[in-house]
């Protein structure tokens, strides 16, 4: 059986001027997700009207944060996409070979290295 899900990753300069990563994969199968993960997965920065077709441009975003009273949404944030990467995830292939049709912008590796070193 061949299952393919399209993935897109974006590096954005967020509302505070910091580098942040946002991923988009509406067809991703989350069957292995634990119920306890759902609260954490609901938090973070999200792009309004997200699609795989966005490019290096200004976008409107919103942020979901956890508070003692529950999840809160901060709307109408201005962000800028500075790097993009897309690939298809093919579940029929062995681990380590599942990313196919990889495309990325020229700044992706630089942003990823910086982001990884900050964490």
PDB file of N, CA and C in Angstrom:
ATOM      1  N   UNK A   1       0.836  -1.182   0.000  1.00  0.00           N
ATOM      2  CA  UNK A   1       0.000   0.000   0.000  1.00  0.00           C
ATOM      3  C   UNK A   1       0.881   1.245   0.000  1.00  0.00           C
ATOM      4  N   UNK A   2       0.553   2.218  -0.836  1.00  0.00           N
ATOM      5  CA  UNK A   2       1.340   3.435  -0.938  1.00  0.00           C
ATOM      6  C   UNK A   2       0.555   4.595  -0.334  1.00  0.00           C
ATOM      7  N   UNK A   3       1.060   5.173   0.740  1.00  0.00           N
ATOM      8  CA  UNK A   3       0.427   6.317   1.379  1.00  0.00           C
ATOM      9  C   UNK A   3       1.365   7.498   1.270  1.00  0.00           C
ATOM     10  N   UNK A   4       0.916   8.563   0.628  1.00  0.00           N
ATOM     11  CA  UNK A   4       1.757   9.741   0.458  1.00  0.00           C
ATOM     12  C   UNK A   4       1.061  10.950   1.084  1.00  0.00           C
ATOM     13  N   UNK A   5       1.793  11.687   1.897  1.00  0.00           N
ATOM     14  CA  UNK A   5       1.289  12.919   2.495  1.00  0.00           C
ATOM     15  C   UNK A   5       2.265  14.037   2.157  1.00  0.00           C
ATOM     16  N   UNK A   6       1.742  15.145   1.680  1.00  0.00           N
ATOM     17  CA  UNK A   6       2.581  16.294   1.340  1.00  0.00           C
ATOM     18  C   UNK A   6       2.865  17.098   2.610  1.00  0.00           C
ATOM     19  N   UNK A   7       4.130  17.441   2.813  1.00  0.00           N
ATOM     20  CA  UNK A   7       4.566  18.232   3.965  1.00  0.00           C
ATOM     21  C   UNK A   7       5.184  19.536   3.482  1.00  0.00           C
ATOM     22  N   UNK A   8       4.928  20.606   4.206  1.00  0.00           N
ATOM     23  CA  UNK A   8       5.582  21.880   3.938  1.00  0.00           C
ATOM     24  C   UNK A   8       6.046  22.450   5.270  1.00  0.00           C
ATOM     25  N   UNK A   9       7.273  22.918   5.293  1.00  0.00           N
ATOM     26  CA  UNK A   9       7.821  23.589   6.464  1.00  0.00           C
ATOM     27  C   UNK A   9       8.157  25.021   6.105  1.00  0.00           C
ATOM     28  N   UNK A  10       7.856  25.925   7.023  1.00  0.00           N
ATOM     29  CA  UNK A  10       8.151  27.336   6.818  1.00  0.00           C
ATOM     30  C   UNK A  10       8.984  27.848   7.981  1.00  0.00           C
ATOM     31  N   UNK A  11       9.984  28.655   7.699  1.00  0.00           N
ATOM     32  CA  UNK A  11      10.654  29.438   8.736  1.00  0.00           C
ATOM     33  C   UNK A  11      10.123  30.850   8.615  1.00  0.00           C
ATOM     34  N   UNK A  12       9.644  31.381   9.736  1.00  0.00           N
ATOM     35  CA  UNK A  12       9.069  32.715   9.770  1.00  0.00           C
ATOM     36  C   UNK A  12       9.832  33.589  10.748  1.00  0.00           C
ATOM     37  N   UNK A  13       9.835  34.868  10.470  1.00  0.00           N
ATOM     38  CA  UNK A  13      10.214  35.848  11.480  1.00  0.00           C
ATOM     39  C   UNK A  13       8.892  36.207  12.149  1.00  0.00           C
ATOM     40  N   UNK A  14       8.781  35.901  13.450  1.00  0.00           N
ATOM     41  CA  UNK A  14       7.495  36.072  14.129  1.00  0.00           C
ATOM     42  C   UNK A  14       7.274  37.525  14.555  1.00  0.00           C
ATOM     43  N   UNK A  15       6.187  37.740  15.288  1.00  0.00           N
ATOM     44  CA  UNK A  15       5.780  39.088  15.680  1.00  0.00           C
ATOM     45  C   UNK A  15       6.794  39.793  16.581  1.00  0.00           C
ATOM     46  N   UNK A  16       7.697  39.036  17.207  1.00  0.00           N
ATOM     47  CA  UNK A  16       8.728  39.627  18.076  1.00  0.00           C
ATOM     48  C   UNK A  16      10.084  39.704  17.391  1.00  0.00           C
ATOM     49  N   UNK A  17      10.147  39.325  16.103  1.00  0.00           N
ATOM     50  CA  UNK A  17      11.398  39.373  15.368  1.00  0.00           C
ATOM     51  C   UNK A  17      12.269  38.144  15.533  1.00  0.00           C
ATOM     52  N   UNK A  18      11.711  37.073  16.091  1.00  0.00           N
ATOM     53  CA  UNK A  18      12.458  35.835  16.296  1.00  0.00           C
ATOM     54  C   UNK A  18      12.139  34.819  15.204  1.00  0.00           C
ATOM     55  N   UNK A  19      13.081  33.919  14.956  1.00  0.00           N
ATOM     56  CA  UNK A  19      12.901  32.855  13.980  1.00  0.00           C
ATOM     57  C   UNK A  19      12.039  31.745  14.577  1.00  0.00           C
ATOM     58  N   UNK A  20      11.052  31.299  13.827  1.00  0.00           N
ATOM     59  CA  UNK A  20      10.160  30.250  14.304  1.00  0.00           C
ATOM     60  C   UNK A  20       9.779  29.343  13.139  1.00  0.00           C
ATOM     61  N   UNK A  21       9.612  28.056  13.418  1.00  0.00           N
ATOM     62  CA  UNK A  21       9.249  27.095  12.388  1.00  0.00           C
ATOM     63  C   UNK A  21       7.764  26.737  12.499  1.00  0.00           C
ATOM     64  N   UNK A  22       7.100  26.664  11.336  1.00  0.00           N
ATOM     65  CA  UNK A  22       5.708  26.247  11.254  1.00  0.00           C
ATOM     66  C   UNK A  22       5.644  25.152  10.204  1.00  0.00           C
ATOM     67  N   UNK A  23       4.955  24.056  10.512  1.00  0.00           N
ATOM     68  CA  UNK A  23       4.804  22.977   9.541  1.00  0.00           C
ATOM     69  C   UNK A  23       3.341  22.842   9.152  1.00  0.00           C
ATOM     70  N   UNK A  24       3.119  22.323   7.958  1.00  0.00           N
ATOM     71  CA  UNK A  24       1.765  22.151   7.442  1.00  0.00           C
ATOM     72  C   UNK A  24       1.688  20.822   6.715  1.00  0.00           C
ATOM     73  N   UNK A  25       0.786  19.959   7.178  1.00  0.00           N
ATOM     74  CA  UNK A  25       0.582  18.659   6.548  1.00  0.00           C
ATOM     75  C   UNK A  25      -0.822  18.160   6.874  1.00  0.00           C
ATOM     76  N   UNK A  26      -1.828  18.655   6.150  1.00  0.00           N
ATOM     77  CA  UNK A  26      -3.205  18.279   6.490  1.00  0.00           C
ATOM     78  C   UNK A  26      -3.531  16.813   6.266  1.00  0.00           C
ATOM     79  N   UNK A  27      -2.763  16.123   5.418  1.00  0.00           N
ATOM     80  CA  UNK A  27      -3.038  14.716   5.129  1.00  0.00           C
ATOM     81  C   UNK A  27      -2.246  13.753   6.004  1.00  0.00           C
ATOM     82  N   UNK A  28      -1.478  14.285   6.949  1.00  0.00           N
ATOM     83  CA  UNK A  28      -0.645  13.433   7.805  1.00  0.00           C
ATOM     84  C   UNK A  28      -1.516  12.554   8.687  1.00  0.00           C
ATOM     85  N   UNK A  29      -1.199  11.295   8.728  1.00  0.00           N
ATOM     86  CA  UNK A  29      -1.909  10.351   9.590  1.00  0.00           C
ATOM     87  C   UNK A  29      -1.320  10.444  10.999  1.00  0.00           C
ATOM     88  N   UNK A  30      -2.125  10.882  11.960  1.00  0.00           N
ATOM     89  CA  UNK A  30      -1.659  11.012  13.349  1.00  0.00           C
ATOM     90  C   UNK A  30      -2.160   9.870  14.210  1.00  0.00           C
ATOM     91  N   UNK A  31      -2.316   8.679  13.625  1.00  0.00           N
ATOM     92  CA  UNK A  31      -2.873   7.554  14.366  1.00  0.00           C
ATOM     93  C   UNK A  31      -1.988   7.132  15.534  1.00  0.00           C
ATOM     94  N   UNK A  32      -0.692   7.429  15.485  1.00  0.00           N
ATOM     95  CA  UNK A  32       0.195   7.062  16.586  1.00  0.00           C
ATOM     96  C   UNK A  32       0.241   8.096  17.692  1.00  0.00           C
ATOM     97  N   UNK A  33      -0.504   9.187  17.539  1.00  0.00           N
ATOM     98  CA  UNK A  33      -0.496  10.260  18.525  1.00  0.00           C
ATOM     99  C   UNK A  33      -1.196   9.826  19.807  1.00  0.00           C
ATOM    100  N   UNK A  34      -0.592  10.145  20.943  1.00  0.00           N
ATOM    101  CA  UNK A  34      -1.215   9.855  22.234  1.00  0.00           C
ATOM    102  C   UNK A  34      -2.193  10.971  22.579  1.00  0.00           C
ATOM    103  N   UNK A  35      -3.257  10.640  23.269  1.00  0.00           N
ATOM    104  CA  UNK A  35      -4.241  11.649  23.660  1.00  0.00           C
ATOM    105  C   UNK A  35      -3.590  12.742  24.496  1.00  0.00           C
ATOM    106  N   UNK A  36      -2.574  12.393  25.285  1.00  0.00           N
ATOM    107  CA  UNK A  36      -1.908  13.378  26.132  1.00  0.00           C
ATOM    108  C   UNK A  36      -1.102  14.389  25.319  1.00  0.00           C
ATOM    109  N   UNK A  37      -0.818  14.092  24.042  1.00  0.00           N
ATOM    110  CA  UNK A  37      -0.073  15.012  23.181  1.00  0.00           C
ATOM    111  C   UNK A  37      -0.950  16.116  22.605  1.00  0.00           C
ATOM    112  N   UNK A  38      -2.264  15.922  22.565  1.00  0.00           N
ATOM    113  CA  UNK A  38      -3.129  16.845  21.831  1.00  0.00           C
ATOM    114  C   UNK A  38      -3.084  18.269  22.378  1.00  0.00           C
ATOM    115  N   UNK A  39      -2.977  18.453  23.685  1.00  0.00           N
ATOM    116  CA  UNK A  39      -2.926  19.793  24.276  1.00  0.00           C
ATOM    117  C   UNK A  39      -1.658  20.511  23.834  1.00  0.00           C
ATOM    118  N   UNK A  40      -0.527  19.808  23.868  1.00  0.00           N
ATOM    119  CA  UNK A  40       0.742  20.410  23.450  1.00  0.00           C
ATOM    120  C   UNK A  40       0.761  20.670  21.953  1.00  0.00           C
ATOM    121  N   UNK A  41       0.180  19.774  21.159  1.00  0.00           N
ATOM    122  CA  UNK A  41       0.166  19.941  19.709  1.00  0.00           C
ATOM    123  C   UNK A  41      -0.727  21.095  19.270  1.00  0.00           C
ATOM    124  N   UNK A  42      -1.681  21.483  20.102  1.00  0.00           N
ATOM    125  CA  UNK A  42      -2.589  22.576  19.756  1.00  0.00           C
ATOM    126  C   UNK A  42      -1.950  23.937  19.981  1.00  0.00           C
ATOM    127  N   UNK A  43      -0.813  23.996  20.671  1.00  0.00           N
ATOM    128  CA  UNK A  43      -0.165  25.263  20.981  1.00  0.00           C
ATOM    129  C   UNK A  43       0.886  25.614  19.937  1.00  0.00           C
ATOM    130  N   UNK A  44       1.144  26.897  19.770  1.00  0.00           N
ATOM    131  CA  UNK A  44       2.195  27.339  18.869  1.00  0.00           C
ATOM    132  C   UNK A  44       1.725  28.398  17.907  1.00  0.00           C
ATOM    133  N   UNK A  45       2.566  28.684  16.924  1.00  0.00           N
ATOM    134  CA  UNK A  45       2.274  29.680  15.894  1.00  0.00           C
ATOM    135  C   UNK A  45       1.651  28.985  14.685  1.00  0.00           C
ATOM    136  N   UNK A  46       0.606  29.569  14.134  1.00  0.00           N
ATOM    137  CA  UNK A  46      -0.091  29.014  12.986  1.00  0.00           C
ATOM    138  C   UNK A  46      -0.307  30.120  11.959  1.00  0.00           C
ATOM    139  N   UNK A  47      -0.255  29.767  10.676  1.00  0.00           N
ATOM    140  CA  UNK A  47      -0.471  30.726   9.598  1.00  0.00           C
ATOM    141  C   UNK A  47      -1.952  30.739   9.235  1.00  0.00           C
ATOM    142  N   UNK A  48      -2.551  31.937   9.178  1.00  0.00           N
ATOM    143  CA  UNK A  48      -3.923  32.071   8.676  1.00  0.00           C
ATOM    144  C   UNK A  48      -3.919  31.681   7.204  1.00  0.00           C
ATOM    145  N   UNK A  49      -4.969  31.014   6.768  1.00  0.00           N
ATOM    146  CA  UNK A  49      -5.114  30.632   5.361  1.00  0.00           C
ATOM    147  C   UNK A  49      -3.857  29.952   4.824  1.00  0.00           C
ATOM    148  N   UNK A  50      -3.378  28.970   5.553  1.00  0.00           N
ATOM    149  CA  UNK A  50      -2.161  28.246   5.185  1.00  0.00           C
ATOM    150  C   UNK A  50      -2.425  27.337   3.986  1.00  0.00           C
ATOM    151  N   UNK A  51      -1.405  27.152   3.173  1.00  0.00           N
ATOM    152  CA  UNK A  51      -1.460  26.204   2.070  1.00  0.00           C
ATOM    153  C   UNK A  51      -0.030  25.798   1.730  1.00  0.00           C
ATOM    154  N   UNK A  52       0.109  24.835   0.848  1.00  0.00           N
ATOM    155  CA  UNK A  52       1.438  24.434   0.394  1.00  0.00           C
ATOM    156  C   UNK A  52       1.999  25.431  -0.612  1.00  0.00           C
ATOM    157  N   UNK A  53       1.168  26.345  -1.099  1.00  0.00           N
ATOM    158  CA  UNK A  53       1.565  27.253  -2.170  1.00  0.00           C
ATOM    159  C   UNK A  53       2.138  28.585  -1.699  1.00  0.00           C
ATOM    160  N   UNK A  54       2.154  28.844  -0.408  1.00  0.00           N
ATOM    161  CA  UNK A  54       2.724  30.102   0.080  1.00  0.00           C
ATOM    162  C   UNK A  54       4.206  30.148  -0.262  1.00  0.00           C
ATOM    163  N   UNK A  55       4.713  31.329  -0.489  1.00  0.00           N
ATOM    164  CA  UNK A  55       6.132  31.471  -0.776  1.00  0.00           C
ATOM    165  C   UNK A  55       6.716  32.497   0.170  1.00  0.00           C
ATOM    166  N   UNK A  56       7.851  33.055  -0.125  1.00  0.00           N
ATOM    167  CA  UNK A  56       8.537  33.977   0.765  1.00  0.00           C
ATOM    168  C   UNK A  56       7.819  35.324   0.727  1.00  0.00           C
ATOM    169  N   UNK A  57       6.978  35.556   1.716  1.00  0.00           N
ATOM    170  CA  UNK A  57       6.092  36.716   1.724  1.00  0.00           C
ATOM    171  C   UNK A  57       5.646  37.030   3.149  1.00  0.00           C
ATOM    172  N   UNK A  58       4.948  38.146   3.323  1.00  0.00           N
ATOM    173  CA  UNK A  58       4.324  38.474   4.602  1.00  0.00           C
ATOM    174  C   UNK A  58       3.033  37.680   4.730  1.00  0.00           C
ATOM    175  N   UNK A  59       2.754  37.195   5.936  1.00  0.00           N
ATOM    176  CA  UNK A  59       1.536  36.426   6.190  1.00  0.00           C
ATOM    177  C   UNK A  59       0.932  36.847   7.518  1.00  0.00           C
ATOM    178  N   UNK A  60      -0.359  36.648   7.643  1.00  0.00           N
ATOM    179  CA  UNK A  60      -1.056  36.863   8.915  1.00  0.00           C
ATOM    180  C   UNK A  60      -1.009  35.542   9.682  1.00  0.00           C
ATOM    181  N   UNK A  61      -0.773  35.635  10.980  1.00  0.00           N
ATOM    182  CA  UNK A  61      -0.660  34.438  11.817  1.00  0.00           C
ATOM    183  C   UNK A  61      -1.478  34.614  13.089  1.00  0.00           C
ATOM    184  N   UNK A  62      -1.622  33.519  13.810  1.00  0.00           N
ATOM    185  CA  UNK A  62      -2.184  33.557  15.149  1.00  0.00           C
ATOM    186  C   UNK A  62      -1.386  32.593  16.009  1.00  0.00           C
ATOM    187  N   UNK A  63      -1.378  32.851  17.310  1.00  0.00           N
ATOM    188  CA  UNK A  63      -0.630  32.032  18.257  1.00  0.00           C
ATOM    189  C   UNK A  63      -1.592  31.475  19.303  1.00  0.00           C
ATOM    190  N   UNK A  64      -1.462  30.180  19.578  1.00  0.00           N
ATOM    191  CA  UNK A  64      -2.251  29.537  20.623  1.00  0.00           C
ATOM    192  C   UNK A  64      -1.297  29.219  21.777  1.00  0.00           C
ATOM    193  N   UNK A  65      -1.653  29.700  22.966  1.00  0.00           N
ATOM    194  CA  UNK A  65      -0.817  29.493  24.147  1.00  0.00           C
ATOM    195  C   UNK A  65      -1.638  28.849  25.253  1.00  0.00           C
ATOM    196  N   UNK A  66      -0.979  28.042  26.054  1.00  0.00           N
ATOM    197  CA  UNK A  66      -1.626  27.425  27.201  1.00  0.00           C
ATOM    198  C   UNK A  66      -1.562  28.344  28.394  1.00  0.00           C
ATOM    199  N   UNK A  67      -2.681  28.542  29.051  1.00  0.00           N
ATOM    200  CA  UNK A  67      -2.748  29.357  30.263  1.00  0.00           C
ATOM    201  C   UNK A  67      -3.431  28.523  31.340  1.00  0.00           C
ATOM    202  N   UNK A  68      -3.383  28.955  32.587  1.00  0.00           N
ATOM    203  CA  UNK A  68      -4.075  28.200  33.640  1.00  0.00           C
ATOM    204  C   UNK A  68      -5.573  28.026  33.379  1.00  0.00           C
ATOM    205  N   UNK A  69      -6.157  28.946  32.610  1.00  0.00           N
ATOM    206  CA  UNK A  69      -7.594  28.829  32.335  1.00  0.00           C
ATOM    207  C   UNK A  69      -7.894  28.103  31.022  1.00  0.00           C
ATOM    208  N   UNK A  70      -6.865  27.587  30.347  1.00  0.00           N
ATOM    209  CA  UNK A  70      -7.060  26.861  29.097  1.00  0.00           C
ATOM    210  C   UNK A  70      -6.286  27.494  27.957  1.00  0.00           C
ATOM    211  N   UNK A  71      -6.579  27.064  26.748  1.00  0.00           N
ATOM    212  CA  UNK A  71      -5.894  27.600  25.579  1.00  0.00           C
ATOM    213  C   UNK A  71      -6.427  28.982  25.219  1.00  0.00           C
ATOM    214  N   UNK A  72      -5.533  29.901  24.930  1.00  0.00           N
ATOM    215  CA  UNK A  72      -5.891  31.255  24.513  1.00  0.00           C
ATOM    216  C   UNK A  72      -5.323  31.519  23.126  1.00  0.00           C
ATOM    217  N   UNK A  73      -6.037  32.240  22.283  1.00  0.00           N
ATOM    218  CA  UNK A  73      -5.596  32.554  20.932  1.00  0.00           C
ATOM    219  C   UNK A  73      -5.282  34.035  20.809  1.00  0.00           C
ATOM    220  N   UNK A  74      -4.089  34.333  20.295  1.00  0.00           N
ATOM    221  CA  UNK A  74      -3.685  35.708  20.007  1.00  0.00           C
ATOM    222  C   UNK A  74      -3.747  35.847  18.491  1.00  0.00           C
ATOM    223  N   UNK A  75      -4.620  36.718  18.006  1.00  0.00           N
ATOM    224  CA  UNK A  75      -4.872  36.821  16.565  1.00  0.00           C
ATOM    225  C   UNK A  75      -4.176  38.029  15.948  1.00  0.00           C
ATOM    226  N   UNK A  76      -4.201  38.075  14.625  1.00  0.00           N
ATOM    227  CA  UNK A  76      -3.726  39.207  13.826  1.00  0.00           C
ATOM    228  C   UNK A  76      -2.253  39.542  14.053  1.00  0.00           C
ATOM    229  N   UNK A  77      -1.404  38.529  14.000  1.00  0.00           N
ATOM    230  CA  UNK A  77       0.037  38.747  14.109  1.00  0.00           C
ATOM    231  C   UNK A  77       0.627  38.849  12.708  1.00  0.00           C
ATOM    232  N   UNK A  78       1.568  39.736  12.525  1.00  0.00           N
ATOM    233  CA  UNK A  78       2.244  39.891  11.238  1.00  0.00           C
ATOM    234  C   UNK A  78       3.567  39.142  11.275  1.00  0.00           C
ATOM    235  N   UNK A  79       3.742  38.220  10.351  1.00  0.00           N
ATOM    236  CA  UNK A  79       4.969  37.431  10.262  1.00  0.00           C
ATOM    237  C   UNK A  79       5.469  37.458   8.821  1.00  0.00           C
ATOM    238  N   UNK A  80       6.699  37.036   8.629  1.00  0.00           N
ATOM    239  CA  UNK A  80       7.274  36.982   7.276  1.00  0.00           C
ATOM    240  C   UNK A  80       7.917  35.622   7.062  1.00  0.00           C
ATOM    241  N   UNK A  81       7.532  34.939   5.971  1.00  0.00           N
ATOM    242  CA  UNK A  81       8.156  33.671   5.607  1.00  0.00           C
ATOM    243  C   UNK A  81       9.508  33.991   4.976  1.00  0.00           C
ATOM    244  N   UNK A  82      10.579  33.390   5.504  1.00  0.00           N
ATOM    245  CA  UNK A  82      11.907  33.648   4.941  1.00  0.00           C
ATOM    246  C   UNK A  82      12.541  32.401   4.327  1.00  0.00           C
ATOM    247  N   UNK A  83      11.984  31.225   4.608  1.00  0.00           N
ATOM    248  CA  UNK A  83      12.497  29.984   4.014  1.00  0.00           C
ATOM    249  C   UNK A  83      11.364  28.957   3.958  1.00  0.00           C
ATOM    250  N   UNK A  84      11.439  28.075   2.959  1.00  0.00           N
ATOM    251  CA  UNK A  84      10.392  27.079   2.761  1.00  0.00           C
ATOM    252  C   UNK A  84      11.008  25.763   2.294  1.00  0.00           C
ATOM    253  N   UNK A  85      10.385  24.666   2.735  1.00  0.00           N
ATOM    254  CA  UNK A  85      10.812  23.332   2.300  1.00  0.00           C
ATOM    255  C   UNK A  85       9.559  22.485   2.111  1.00  0.00           C
ATOM    256  N   UNK A  86       9.475  21.767   1.004  1.00  0.00           N
ATOM    257  CA  UNK A  86       8.357  20.851   0.777  1.00  0.00           C
ATOM    258  C   UNK A  86       8.900  19.471   0.422  1.00  0.00           C
ATOM    259  N   UNK A  87       8.152  18.448   0.809  1.00  0.00           N
ATOM    260  CA  UNK A  87       8.478  17.086   0.408  1.00  0.00           C
ATOM    261  C   UNK A  87       7.237  16.232   0.562  1.00  0.00           C
ATOM    262  N   UNK A  88       7.257  15.083  -0.094  1.00  0.00           N
ATOM    263  CA  UNK A  88       6.190  14.098   0.049  1.00  0.00           C
ATOM    264  C   UNK A  88       6.707  12.994   0.955  1.00  0.00           C
ATOM    265  N   UNK A  89       5.849  12.526   1.835  1.00  0.00           N
ATOM    266  CA  UNK A  89       6.186  11.472   2.790  1.00  0.00           C
ATOM    267  C   UNK A  89       5.554  10.185   2.280  1.00  0.00           C
ATOM    268  N   UNK A  90       6.367   9.231   1.848  1.00  0.00           N
ATOM    269  CA  UNK A  90       5.890   7.980   1.260  1.00  0.00           C
ATOM    270  C   UNK A  90       6.047   6.852   2.272  1.00  0.00           C
ATOM    271  N   UNK A  91       4.936   6.429   2.867  1.00  0.00           N
ATOM    272  CA  UNK A  91       4.963   5.413   3.926  1.00  0.00           C
ATOM    273  C   UNK A  91       5.282   4.015   3.396  1.00  0.00           C
ATOM    274  N   UNK A  92       5.275   3.814   2.080  1.00  0.00           N
ATOM    275  CA  UNK A  92       5.574   2.494   1.535  1.00  0.00           C
ATOM    276  C   UNK A  92       7.078   2.231   1.504  1.00  0.00           C
ATOM    277  N   UNK A  93       7.878   3.250   1.715  1.00  0.00           N
ATOM    278  CA  UNK A  93       9.339   3.101   1.670  1.00  0.00           C
ATOM    279  C   UNK A  93       9.887   2.845   3.067  1.00  0.00           C
ATOM    280  N   UNK A  94      11.094   2.264   3.154  1.00  0.00           N
ATOM    281  CA  UNK A  94      11.684   2.015   4.481  1.00  0.00           C
ATOM    282  C   UNK A  94      12.077   3.323   5.173  1.00  0.00           C
ATOM    283  N   UNK A  95      12.189   3.265   6.507  1.00  0.00           N
ATOM    284  CA  UNK A  95      12.616   4.434   7.287  1.00  0.00           C
ATOM    285  C   UNK A  95      13.911   4.983   6.717  1.00  0.00           C
ATOM    286  N   UNK A  96      14.028   6.288   6.692  1.00  0.00           N
ATOM    287  CA  UNK A  96      15.222   6.926   6.161  1.00  0.00           C
ATOM    288  C   UNK A  96      15.141   7.220   4.672  1.00  0.00           C
ATOM    289  N   UNK A  97      14.155   6.637   3.988  1.00  0.00           N
ATOM    290  CA  UNK A  97      13.993   6.856   2.546  1.00  0.00           C
ATOM    291  C   UNK A  97      12.599   7.391   2.212  1.00  0.00           C
ATOM    292  N   UNK A  98      11.858   7.813   3.198  1.00  0.00           N
ATOM    293  CA  UNK A  98      10.454   8.179   2.988  1.00  0.00           C
ATOM    294  C   UNK A  98      10.245   9.582   2.426  1.00  0.00           C
ATOM    295  N   UNK A  99      11.221  10.460   2.532  1.00  0.00           N
ATOM    296  CA  UNK A  99      11.076  11.808   1.977  1.00  0.00           C
ATOM    297  C   UNK A  99      11.411  11.774   0.489  1.00  0.00           C
ATOM    298  N   UNK A 100      10.423  12.101  -0.339  1.00  0.00           N
ATOM    299  CA  UNK A 100      10.644  12.138  -1.782  1.00  0.00           C
ATOM    300  C   UNK A 100      10.223  13.516  -2.308  1.00  0.00           C
ATOM    301  N   UNK A 101      10.689  13.868  -3.493  1.00  0.00           N
ATOM    302  CA  UNK A 101      10.351  15.145  -4.130  1.00  0.00           C
ATOM    303  C   UNK A 101      10.692  16.346  -3.247  1.00  0.00           C
ATOM    304  N   UNK A 102      11.852  16.312  -2.630  1.00  0.00           N
ATOM    305  CA  UNK A 102      12.282  17.388  -1.731  1.00  0.00           C
ATOM    306  C   UNK A 102      12.629  18.642  -2.527  1.00  0.00           C
ATOM    307  N   UNK A 103      12.066  19.785  -2.088  1.00  0.00           N
ATOM    308  CA  UNK A 103      12.388  21.092  -2.665  1.00  0.00           C
ATOM    309  C   UNK A 103      12.533  22.063  -1.503  1.00  0.00           C
ATOM    310  N   UNK A 104      13.539  22.936  -1.565  1.00  0.00           N
ATOM    311  CA  UNK A 104      13.703  23.915  -0.494  1.00  0.00           C
ATOM    312  C   UNK A 104      14.288  25.202  -1.036  1.00  0.00           C
ATOM    313  N   UNK A 105      13.987  26.285  -0.331  1.00  0.00           N
ATOM    314  CA  UNK A 105      14.522  27.578  -0.724  1.00  0.00           C
ATOM    315  C   UNK A 105      15.993  27.662  -0.321  1.00  0.00           C
ATOM    316  N   UNK A 106      16.688  28.629  -0.872  1.00  0.00           N
ATOM    317  CA  UNK A 106      18.142  28.727  -0.665  1.00  0.00           C
ATOM    318  C   UNK A 106      18.531  28.994   0.787  1.00  0.00           C
ATOM    319  N   UNK A 107      17.675  29.621   1.578  1.00  0.00           N
ATOM    320  CA  UNK A 107      18.018  29.946   2.971  1.00  0.00           C
ATOM    321  C   UNK A 107      17.605  28.856   3.958  1.00  0.00           C
ATOM    322  N   UNK A 108      16.995  27.765   3.489  1.00  0.00           N
ATOM    323  CA  UNK A 108      16.473  26.746   4.407  1.00  0.00           C
ATOM    324  C   UNK A 108      17.564  26.177   5.317  1.00  0.00           C
ATOM    325  N   UNK A 109      18.673  25.742   4.750  1.00  0.00           N
ATOM    326  CA  UNK A 109      19.721  25.111   5.561  1.00  0.00           C
ATOM    327  C   UNK A 109      20.286  26.075   6.594  1.00  0.00           C
ATOM    328  N   UNK A 110      20.495  27.316   6.209  1.00  0.00           N
ATOM    329  CA  UNK A 110      21.008  28.327   7.140  1.00  0.00           C
ATOM    330  C   UNK A 110      20.028  28.548   8.293  1.00  0.00           C
ATOM    331  N   UNK A 111      18.745  28.688   7.989  1.00  0.00           N
ATOM    332  CA  UNK A 111      17.724  28.880   9.020  1.00  0.00           C
ATOM    333  C   UNK A 111      17.610  27.655   9.916  1.00  0.00           C
ATOM    334  N   UNK A 112      17.639  26.461   9.314  1.00  0.00           N
ATOM    335  CA  UNK A 112      17.509  25.238  10.094  1.00  0.00           C
ATOM    336  C   UNK A 112      18.678  25.082  11.073  1.00  0.00           C
ATOM    337  N   UNK A 113      19.882  25.355  10.622  1.00  0.00           N
ATOM    338  CA  UNK A 113      21.068  25.260  11.499  1.00  0.00           C
ATOM    339  C   UNK A 113      20.948  26.250  12.658  1.00  0.00           C
ATOM    340  N   UNK A 114      20.557  27.473  12.363  1.00  0.00           N
ATOM    341  CA  UNK A 114      20.395  28.487  13.408  1.00  0.00           C
ATOM    342  C   UNK A 114      19.305  28.074  14.392  1.00  0.00           C
ATOM    343  N   UNK A 115      18.167  27.611  13.878  1.00  0.00           N
ATOM    344  CA  UNK A 115      17.032  27.195  14.705  1.00  0.00           C
ATOM    345  C   UNK A 115      17.404  26.016  15.601  1.00  0.00           C
ATOM    346  N   UNK A 116      18.096  25.035  15.030  1.00  0.00           N
ATOM    347  CA  UNK A 116      18.488  23.843  15.766  1.00  0.00           C
ATOM    348  C   UNK A 116      19.457  24.191  16.905  1.00  0.00           C
ATOM    349  N   UNK A 117      20.374  25.120  16.663  1.00  0.00           N
ATOM    350  CA  UNK A 117      21.350  25.520  17.675  1.00  0.00           C
ATOM    351  C   UNK A 117      20.752  26.357  18.780  1.00  0.00           C
ATOM    352  N   UNK A 118      19.596  26.999  18.545  1.00  0.00           N
ATOM    353  CA  UNK A 118      18.928  27.807  19.566  1.00  0.00           C
ATOM    354  C   UNK A 118      18.140  26.959  20.540  1.00  0.00           C
ATOM    355  N   UNK A 119      17.709  25.781  20.123  1.00  0.00           N
ATOM    356  CA  UNK A 119      16.846  24.933  20.959  1.00  0.00           C
ATOM    357  C   UNK A 119      17.603  24.248  22.062  1.00  0.00           C
TER     358      UNK A 119
END
